[in-house]
Protein backbone atom coordinates (compact mmCIF):
# COMPACT_ATOMS: atom_id res chain seq x y z
CA MET A 1 -15.62 15.04 14.34
CA LYS A 2 -15.37 11.98 11.87
CA LYS A 3 -12.03 12.94 10.49
CA ILE A 4 -11.18 12.45 14.31
CA ILE A 5 -12.30 9.49 14.25
CA LEU A 6 -11.74 8.45 10.64
CA ALA A 7 -7.75 9.70 11.46
CA ALA A 8 -8.16 7.55 15.33
CA SER A 9 -9.29 3.99 13.50
CA LEU A 10 -6.18 4.31 10.66
CA LEU A 11 -3.85 4.73 12.70
CA VAL A 12 -5.12 2.12 15.24
CA ALA A 13 -5.00 -0.03 11.94
CA VAL A 14 -1.85 0.80 11.03
CA TYR A 15 -0.67 -0.31 14.06
CA SER A 16 -2.55 -3.63 13.96
CA CYS A 17 -0.91 -5.11 10.84
CA LYS A 18 1.71 -5.87 13.91
CA LYS A 19 -0.20 -8.86 13.40
CA GLU A 20 1.03 -9.76 9.93
CA GLU A 21 4.72 -9.15 10.74
CA ASN A 22 7.25 -12.08 11.69
CA THR A 23 8.77 -10.82 14.88
CA LYS A 24 12.10 -12.87 14.30
CA THR A 25 13.92 -10.94 16.85
CA GLY A 26 13.33 -13.35 20.06
CA ASN A 27 12.23 -12.19 23.53
CA ALA A 28 12.00 -8.27 25.12
CA THR A 29 15.21 -8.39 26.67
CA GLU A 30 14.92 -8.91 30.71
CA VAL A 31 15.77 -6.53 33.28
CA ASN A 32 17.09 -7.67 36.26
CA SER A 33 14.70 -6.09 38.49
CA GLU A 34 15.88 -5.80 42.60
CA THR A 35 12.29 -5.10 42.54
CA PRO A 36 10.09 -7.97 43.51
CA LYS A 37 7.60 -9.39 40.87
CA SER A 38 4.14 -8.56 41.94
CA ASN A 39 1.17 -11.09 41.43
CA ASN A 40 -0.31 -9.09 38.80
CA LYS A 41 -2.11 -10.57 36.37
CA ILE A 42 -1.98 -7.73 33.40
CA VAL A 43 -3.86 -7.12 29.79
CA THR A 44 -1.66 -4.97 28.03
CA LEU A 45 -3.56 -2.92 25.16
CA ASN A 46 -1.25 -1.44 23.25
CA GLY A 47 2.16 -3.17 21.59
CA GLY A 48 4.69 -0.67 22.78
CA ILE A 49 3.23 -0.66 26.90
CA THR A 50 3.42 -4.59 25.94
CA GLU A 51 6.50 -4.57 25.17
CA ILE A 52 7.70 -2.32 28.11
CA VAL A 53 6.48 -5.02 30.75
CA ALA A 54 7.93 -7.01 29.37
CA ALA A 55 11.20 -5.93 29.06
CA LEU A 56 10.86 -4.60 32.93
CA GLY A 57 10.72 -9.31 33.54
CA HIS A 58 7.00 -8.94 34.10
CA GLU A 59 6.15 -11.05 31.14
CA LYS A 60 4.84 -14.29 32.94
CA GLU A 61 2.28 -11.24 34.31
CA ILE A 62 0.45 -10.18 31.62
CA VAL A 63 -2.77 -12.96 31.24
CA GLY A 64 -4.37 -10.90 27.76
CA THR A 65 -3.24 -8.40 25.57
CA ASP A 66 -4.38 -6.65 22.10
CA VAL A 67 -3.67 -6.85 18.37
CA THR A 68 -0.92 -4.78 18.14
CA SER A 69 0.93 -6.66 21.44
CA THR A 70 3.55 -9.06 18.92
CA TYR A 71 6.63 -8.90 20.31
CA PRO A 72 7.83 -11.00 22.73
CA ALA A 73 6.73 -13.89 20.24
CA SER A 74 6.50 -16.34 23.04
CA LEU A 75 3.32 -13.98 24.14
CA LYS A 76 1.36 -15.83 21.82
CA SER A 77 1.53 -18.79 24.00
CA THR A 78 0.82 -17.17 26.99
CA ALA A 79 -1.03 -14.31 27.16
CA VAL A 80 -5.53 -14.64 25.51
CA ASP A 81 -5.45 -12.20 22.15
CA LEU A 82 -8.52 -9.85 23.56
CA GLY A 83 -8.28 -8.12 19.75
CA HIS A 84 -8.84 -5.27 18.40
CA VAL A 85 -9.09 -1.95 20.96
CA ARG A 86 -11.60 0.04 18.34
CA SER A 87 -14.11 -2.61 17.95
CA MET A 88 -13.26 -4.65 21.74
CA THR A 89 -15.64 -5.83 24.12
CA ILE A 90 -15.39 -6.12 27.63
CA GLU A 91 -15.98 -9.23 28.29
CA PRO A 92 -12.76 -10.45 26.46
CA ILE A 93 -11.55 -8.90 29.21
CA MET A 94 -13.22 -10.27 32.65
CA ALA A 95 -12.59 -13.27 31.20
CA VAL A 96 -8.81 -13.53 32.23
CA SER A 97 -9.85 -12.02 35.59
CA PRO A 98 -7.09 -9.10 35.03
CA THR A 99 -6.15 -6.98 38.27
CA LEU A 100 -4.32 -4.61 36.56
CA ILE A 101 -4.74 -2.96 33.01
CA LEU A 102 -2.47 -0.66 31.01
CA ALA A 103 -3.24 1.02 27.86
CA SER A 104 -3.03 3.96 25.96
CA ASP A 105 -4.91 6.76 25.47
CA LYS A 106 -4.38 6.84 21.78
CA ASP A 107 -6.17 3.41 20.75
CA ILE A 108 -8.79 2.77 23.40
CA ASN A 109 -12.26 3.30 22.37
CA PRO A 110 -14.30 5.89 24.61
CA ALA A 111 -17.25 3.17 25.13
CA LEU A 112 -14.89 0.21 26.23
CA MET A 113 -13.47 2.94 28.49
CA GLY A 114 -16.34 3.38 30.31
CA LYS A 115 -17.26 -0.08 30.69
CA ILE A 116 -13.64 -0.90 31.80
CA LYS A 117 -14.15 1.69 34.98
CA SER A 118 -17.10 0.80 35.86
CA SER A 119 -15.66 -2.81 36.31
CA GLY A 120 -13.66 -1.28 39.62
CA ILE A 121 -10.21 -2.91 37.77
CA ARG A 122 -7.07 -0.68 38.38
CA THR A 123 -6.56 1.07 34.73
CA GLU A 124 -3.88 2.99 33.93
CA ILE A 125 -4.14 5.16 30.36
CA PHE A 126 -1.07 6.84 29.31
CA ASP A 127 -0.73 9.59 27.30
CA GLN A 128 1.56 8.30 24.53
CA GLU A 129 3.77 10.80 22.44
CA PHE A 130 5.75 9.65 19.19
CA THR A 131 9.08 10.94 20.14
CA VAL A 132 12.15 9.60 22.13
CA ASP A 133 11.06 11.65 25.28
CA GLY A 134 7.92 10.79 25.10
CA THR A 135 8.96 7.29 24.85
CA LYS A 136 11.68 7.51 27.89
CA LYS A 137 8.06 8.66 29.55
CA LEU A 138 5.98 5.95 28.97
CA ILE A 139 8.75 3.13 29.84
CA ALA A 140 8.70 5.26 33.84
CA GLU A 141 5.16 5.49 33.78
CA VAL A 142 4.11 2.30 32.82
CA ALA A 143 6.89 0.67 35.04
CA LYS A 144 5.87 3.03 37.83
CA ALA A 145 1.88 1.53 37.55
CA ILE A 146 3.44 -2.02 38.13
CA GLY A 147 5.76 -1.67 40.71
CA ASN A 148 9.64 -1.95 39.28
CA ALA A 149 11.65 0.82 39.84
CA ASP A 150 14.76 -0.17 37.92
CA TYR A 151 13.49 1.14 34.60
CA GLN A 152 16.35 3.22 33.79
CA LYS A 153 18.36 0.20 31.83
CA LEU A 154 15.85 0.65 28.71
CA ASN A 155 16.48 4.17 28.57
CA ASP A 156 20.26 3.54 28.94
CA LYS A 157 19.84 1.47 26.01
CA ILE A 158 17.47 3.52 23.68
CA ASP A 159 20.11 6.66 23.87
CA ALA A 160 22.74 3.77 22.68
CA ASP A 161 21.11 2.58 20.15
CA LEU A 162 20.01 6.30 19.17
CA LYS A 163 24.37 7.15 18.96
CA GLN A 164 24.45 4.78 16.44
CA ILE A 165 22.79 7.20 13.85
CA GLN A 166 24.94 8.24 11.04
CA PRO A 167 24.34 11.39 9.75
CA ILE A 168 22.54 11.92 6.27
CA ALA A 169 24.27 14.74 3.76
CA LYS A 170 21.03 15.16 2.42
CA LYS A 171 18.04 14.43 4.36
CA PRO A 172 16.44 12.09 1.38
CA LYS A 173 12.15 12.67 1.37
CA VAL A 174 10.62 8.95 2.35
CA LEU A 175 7.21 8.98 2.08
CA PHE A 176 5.77 6.06 4.29
CA ILE A 177 2.56 3.83 2.68
CA TYR A 178 0.53 1.98 4.01
CA ALA A 179 -0.73 -1.00 2.09
CA ARG A 180 -3.11 -3.61 3.57
CA GLY A 181 -5.61 -5.47 0.35
CA ASN A 182 -6.97 -3.15 -1.74
CA MET A 183 -6.83 0.01 0.63
CA LEU A 184 -3.60 2.50 0.67
CA MET A 185 -2.94 5.23 3.40
CA VAL A 186 -0.24 8.06 2.83
CA ALA A 187 1.36 8.82 6.80
CA GLY A 188 1.65 13.30 7.20
CA LYS A 189 2.75 14.92 9.95
CA ASN A 190 1.69 13.92 13.81
CA THR A 191 2.22 10.21 12.95
CA PRO A 192 4.39 8.07 14.64
CA MET A 193 6.27 7.15 11.37
CA ALA A 194 6.76 10.26 10.42
CA SER A 195 8.67 10.45 13.97
CA LEU A 196 10.42 7.67 13.31
CA ILE A 197 11.90 8.98 9.71
CA GLU A 198 12.64 12.67 11.40
CA ILE A 199 14.72 10.25 14.39
CA ALA A 200 16.58 8.35 11.64
CA GLY A 201 17.67 11.47 9.83
CA GLY A 202 15.09 11.09 7.15
CA GLU A 203 12.51 13.80 6.40
CA ASN A 204 8.27 13.02 6.30
CA ALA A 205 7.88 13.40 2.48
CA VAL A 206 4.37 14.85 3.03
CA ASN A 207 3.18 17.62 5.83
CA ASP A 208 0.39 19.55 4.38
CA PHE A 209 -1.95 17.16 6.48
CA GLU A 210 -1.64 15.18 10.00
CA ASP A 211 -2.88 11.32 10.18
CA PHE A 212 -3.22 9.00 7.48
CA LYS A 213 -5.44 10.32 4.73
CA PRO A 214 -5.78 7.76 1.51
CA LEU A 215 -3.52 7.39 -0.85
CA THR A 216 -3.93 9.82 -4.63
CA PRO A 217 -1.71 9.95 -7.81
CA GLU A 218 -1.54 13.37 -6.91
CA ALA A 219 -0.35 13.42 -3.17
CA VAL A 220 2.10 10.98 -4.13
CA VAL A 221 3.25 13.29 -7.13
CA LYS A 222 3.43 16.43 -4.92
CA ALA A 223 5.07 14.50 -2.14
CA ASN A 224 8.12 13.29 -5.06
CA PRO A 225 9.81 11.19 -1.87
CA ASP A 226 12.74 10.11 -2.61
CA VAL A 227 12.10 6.70 -0.77
CA LEU A 228 9.11 4.77 0.00
CA PHE A 229 8.54 3.13 3.15
CA PHE A 230 6.26 0.35 4.51
CA PHE A 231 5.84 -2.48 6.10
CA THR A 232 7.30 -5.81 5.57
CA SER A 233 4.11 -7.26 5.71
CA GLY A 234 2.54 -4.63 3.63
CA LEU A 235 5.18 -4.25 1.37
CA GLN A 236 4.51 -8.43 0.26
CA GLY A 237 1.04 -8.28 0.29
CA ALA A 238 1.09 -5.36 -2.30
CA GLY A 239 3.62 -7.68 -4.78
CA GLY A 240 6.89 -6.35 -3.86
CA ASN A 241 8.83 -4.15 -4.68
CA GLU A 242 7.37 -4.57 -8.62
CA GLY A 243 3.55 -3.58 -7.10
CA ALA A 244 4.84 -0.86 -5.25
CA LEU A 245 6.27 0.82 -8.80
CA LYS A 246 2.87 0.63 -10.06
CA MET A 247 1.50 1.46 -6.87
CA PRO A 248 -0.51 5.56 -8.53
CA GLY A 249 1.84 8.27 -9.21
CA VAL A 250 5.28 6.15 -8.37
CA SER A 251 5.90 5.79 -11.08
CA GLN A 252 6.87 10.02 -11.95
CA THR A 253 8.20 10.32 -8.24
CA ASN A 254 12.15 9.76 -7.68
CA ALA A 255 11.39 7.26 -5.51
CA GLY A 256 9.96 5.30 -8.70
CA LYS A 257 11.84 6.41 -10.99
CA ASN A 258 15.58 5.35 -8.89
CA LYS A 259 13.40 2.48 -7.61
CA LYS A 260 14.95 3.31 -4.29
CA ILE A 261 11.99 0.91 -1.79
CA ILE A 262 12.89 -0.02 2.01
CA ALA A 263 10.40 -2.06 4.48
CA MET A 264 11.11 -2.88 7.74
CA ASP A 265 8.43 -4.80 10.64
CA GLY A 266 5.24 -2.71 11.58
CA GLY A 267 5.81 -4.19 15.31
CA LEU A 268 9.92 -2.57 15.18
CA VAL A 269 9.37 0.68 13.74
CA SER A 270 5.43 1.86 14.80
CA GLY A 271 5.38 -0.18 17.85
CA PHE A 272 6.91 3.03 20.79
CA GLY A 273 8.18 1.10 23.00
CA PRO A 274 11.83 0.13 24.59
CA ARG A 275 13.53 -0.71 21.11
CA LEU A 276 13.07 2.59 19.79
CA GLY A 277 16.52 2.79 19.09
CA GLU A 278 16.77 -0.15 17.73
CA ALA A 279 14.22 0.50 14.91
CA ALA A 280 15.54 3.91 14.22
CA VAL A 281 18.49 2.94 13.27
CA GLY A 282 18.44 0.17 11.36
CA LEU A 283 16.30 2.97 8.96
CA ASN A 284 19.01 4.99 9.07
CA LYS A 285 21.16 1.89 7.67
CA LEU A 286 18.51 1.79 5.17
CA LEU A 287 18.69 5.67 3.92
CA ILE A 288 21.91 5.94 4.31
CA GLU A 289 21.98 2.72 1.31
CA ASN A 290 19.41 4.05 -0.50
CA THR A 291 21.30 7.58 -0.68
CA LYS A 292 23.74 6.68 -2.60
């Protein structure tokens, strides 16, 4: 049980670094839905879900978000930051008087969930799967929850973006490293990062454990990645490429020897929302550039 709780906490901690990312890509694409806007006051407790609501044209209905909801950037001035879902209490949520709460089953802590159910506020908890089909399903379910039937455009956009992915002759082994302060974690199988790496044409370098585990020299050397992958903020905090090359075990890997290090916006690559295709294409291009 402790292992499960730790893994869940680490996964959510990875998502929380989105708050540090510099989201310069503008507002989410709005869909001109024929469905009238509702009068909902929505609290979204997941970055991907927040993006879906905004992309469907309901951004102005969002009154509160969790710490992972950093996109679109305009929400910073219109929605209350309610904090981290693993430590969030019911009081900040009640303070914004929501009529609808949307959350992922991967994030919300049991104590908070119990209090939300007791509050009588309409709540939708979604089973979030970190796959293309899972993302499309989530978009459809969130759209239904907010009363918007015109969601197919978002799924079509994902498909159109994914068609731009170029095949890579020899799949590079990619090791995602989550760096935050003195904490260094690597992504195993069944993580959002492992899924994105595979969608983008790479191979996750670690497959002998699930979720995230502390980086050790032995694990890094054993994985022997061709490319190291970071969130932009994480790489910057670690001292850039030079800092990454000094991490335990890295110098003994193909990635370290060839100085193959890439970084992308954390909110973009771990959200698994409407921008999934965009994230996969961006990673695909970086992998191709770093495997020539």
